[in-house]
Amino acid sequence: MDRSFEIKFRVIDNNIQTEIKQKNISPQEAIGLLEMAKSQILENLAKGRKEIFSGMKKGE
């Protein structure tokens, strides 16, 4: 089963636009994914990294 959860933030003139796309993801799973992303950002900020997100290529 194909599953995805995508969030796009656009900041235009200090206004934030949010676009969310999800496929076969429950609201509880979406919250869990957001919590994981938040933890990753905070961990990388604590380490002083400029790149706050890390990712994997599809299939890895």
C-alpha atoms as a PDB file:
ATOM      1  CA  MET A   1       0.000   0.000   0.000  1.00  0.00           C
ATOM      2  CA  ASP A   2       1.362   3.400  -0.998  1.00  0.00           C
ATOM      3  CA  ARG A   3       1.506   5.788   1.963  1.00  0.00           C
ATOM      4  CA  SER A   4       2.757   9.346   2.143  1.00  0.00           C
ATOM      5  CA  PHE A   5       2.643  12.448   4.327  1.00  0.00           C
ATOM      6  CA  GLU A   6       3.941  15.734   2.975  1.00  0.00           C
ATOM      7  CA  ILE A   7       3.940  19.228   4.415  1.00  0.00           C
ATOM      8  CA  LYS A   8       5.018  22.304   2.523  1.00  0.00           C
ATOM      9  CA  PHE A   9       5.537  25.668   4.190  1.00  0.00           C
ATOM     10  CA  ARG A  10       5.857  28.847   2.152  1.00  0.00           C
ATOM     11  CA  VAL A  11       6.885  32.107   3.758  1.00  0.00           C
ATOM     12  CA  ILE A  12       5.884  35.070   1.621  1.00  0.00           C
ATOM     13  CA  ASP A  13       6.207  38.587   3.051  1.00  0.00           C
ATOM     14  CA  ASN A  14       6.174  37.204   6.624  1.00  0.00           C
ATOM     15  CA  ASN A  15       2.971  35.237   5.943  1.00  0.00           C
ATOM     16  CA  ILE A  16       3.110  31.464   6.290  1.00  0.00           C
ATOM     17  CA  GLN A  17       1.141  29.248   3.939  1.00  0.00           C
ATOM     18  CA  THR A  18       0.833  25.552   4.760  1.00  0.00           C
ATOM     19  CA  GLU A  19      -0.051  22.756   2.361  1.00  0.00           C
ATOM     20  CA  ILE A  20      -0.562  19.208   3.657  1.00  0.00           C
ATOM     21  CA  LYS A  21      -0.958  16.115   1.501  1.00  0.00           C
ATOM     22  CA  GLN A  22      -1.505  12.696   2.986  1.00  0.00           C
ATOM     23  CA  LYS A  23      -2.342   9.338   1.522  1.00  0.00           C
ATOM     24  CA  ASN A  24      -3.307   6.348   3.677  1.00  0.00           C
ATOM     25  CA  ILE A  25      -2.017   8.031   6.856  1.00  0.00           C
ATOM     26  CA  SER A  26      -4.254   8.235   9.932  1.00  0.00           C
ATOM     27  CA  PRO A  27      -4.464  11.440  11.982  1.00  0.00           C
ATOM     28  CA  GLN A  28      -2.640   9.681  14.837  1.00  0.00           C
ATOM     29  CA  GLU A  29       0.188   8.647  12.498  1.00  0.00           C
ATOM     30  CA  ALA A  30       0.414  12.211  11.150  1.00  0.00           C
ATOM     31  CA  ILE A  31       0.826  13.550  14.692  1.00  0.00           C
ATOM     32  CA  GLY A  32       3.517  10.954  15.391  1.00  0.00           C
ATOM     33  CA  LEU A  33       5.386  11.924  12.207  1.00  0.00           C
ATOM     34  CA  LEU A  34       5.225  15.602  13.171  1.00  0.00           C
ATOM     35  CA  GLU A  35       6.593  14.769  16.633  1.00  0.00           C
ATOM     36  CA  MET A  36       9.462  12.826  15.038  1.00  0.00           C
ATOM     37  CA  ALA A  37      10.280  15.788  12.776  1.00  0.00           C
ATOM     38  CA  LYS A  38      10.181  18.171  15.743  1.00  0.00           C
ATOM     39  CA  SER A  39      12.550  15.944  17.726  1.00  0.00           C
ATOM     40  CA  GLN A  40      14.940  15.726  14.785  1.00  0.00           C
ATOM     41  CA  ILE A  41      14.959  19.518  14.350  1.00  0.00           C
ATOM     42  CA  LEU A  42      15.573  20.157  18.041  1.00  0.00           C
ATOM     43  CA  GLU A  43      18.341  17.544  18.180  1.00  0.00           C
ATOM     44  CA  ASN A  44      20.129  19.017  15.176  1.00  0.00           C
ATOM     45  CA  LEU A  45      19.781  22.559  16.537  1.00  0.00           C
ATOM     46  CA  ALA A  46      21.300  21.416  19.829  1.00  0.00           C
ATOM     47  CA  LYS A  47      24.238  20.005  17.871  1.00  0.00           C
ATOM     48  CA  GLY A  48      24.655  23.340  16.066  1.00  0.00           C
ATOM     49  CA  ARG A  49      23.987  21.927  12.632  1.00  0.00           C
ATOM     50  CA  LYS A  50      22.964  24.248   9.828  1.00  0.00           C
ATOM     51  CA  GLU A  51      20.967  21.538   8.092  1.00  0.00           C
ATOM     52  CA  ILE A  52      18.177  20.713  10.493  1.00  0.00           C
ATOM     53  CA  PHE A  53      16.584  17.978   8.381  1.00  0.00           C
ATOM     54  CA  SER A  54      18.087  14.746   7.206  1.00  0.00           C
ATOM     55  CA  GLY A  55      16.522  12.416   4.725  1.00  0.00           C
ATOM     56  CA  MET A  56      16.884   9.256   2.748  1.00  0.00           C
ATOM     57  CA  LYS A  57      16.462   8.542  -0.905  1.00  0.00           C
ATOM     58  CA  LYS A  58      13.520   6.360  -1.815  1.00  0.00           C
ATOM     59  CA  GLY A  59      14.503   2.722  -1.610  1.00  0.00           C
ATOM     60  CA  GLU A  60      17.265   3.126   1.009  1.00  0.00           C
END
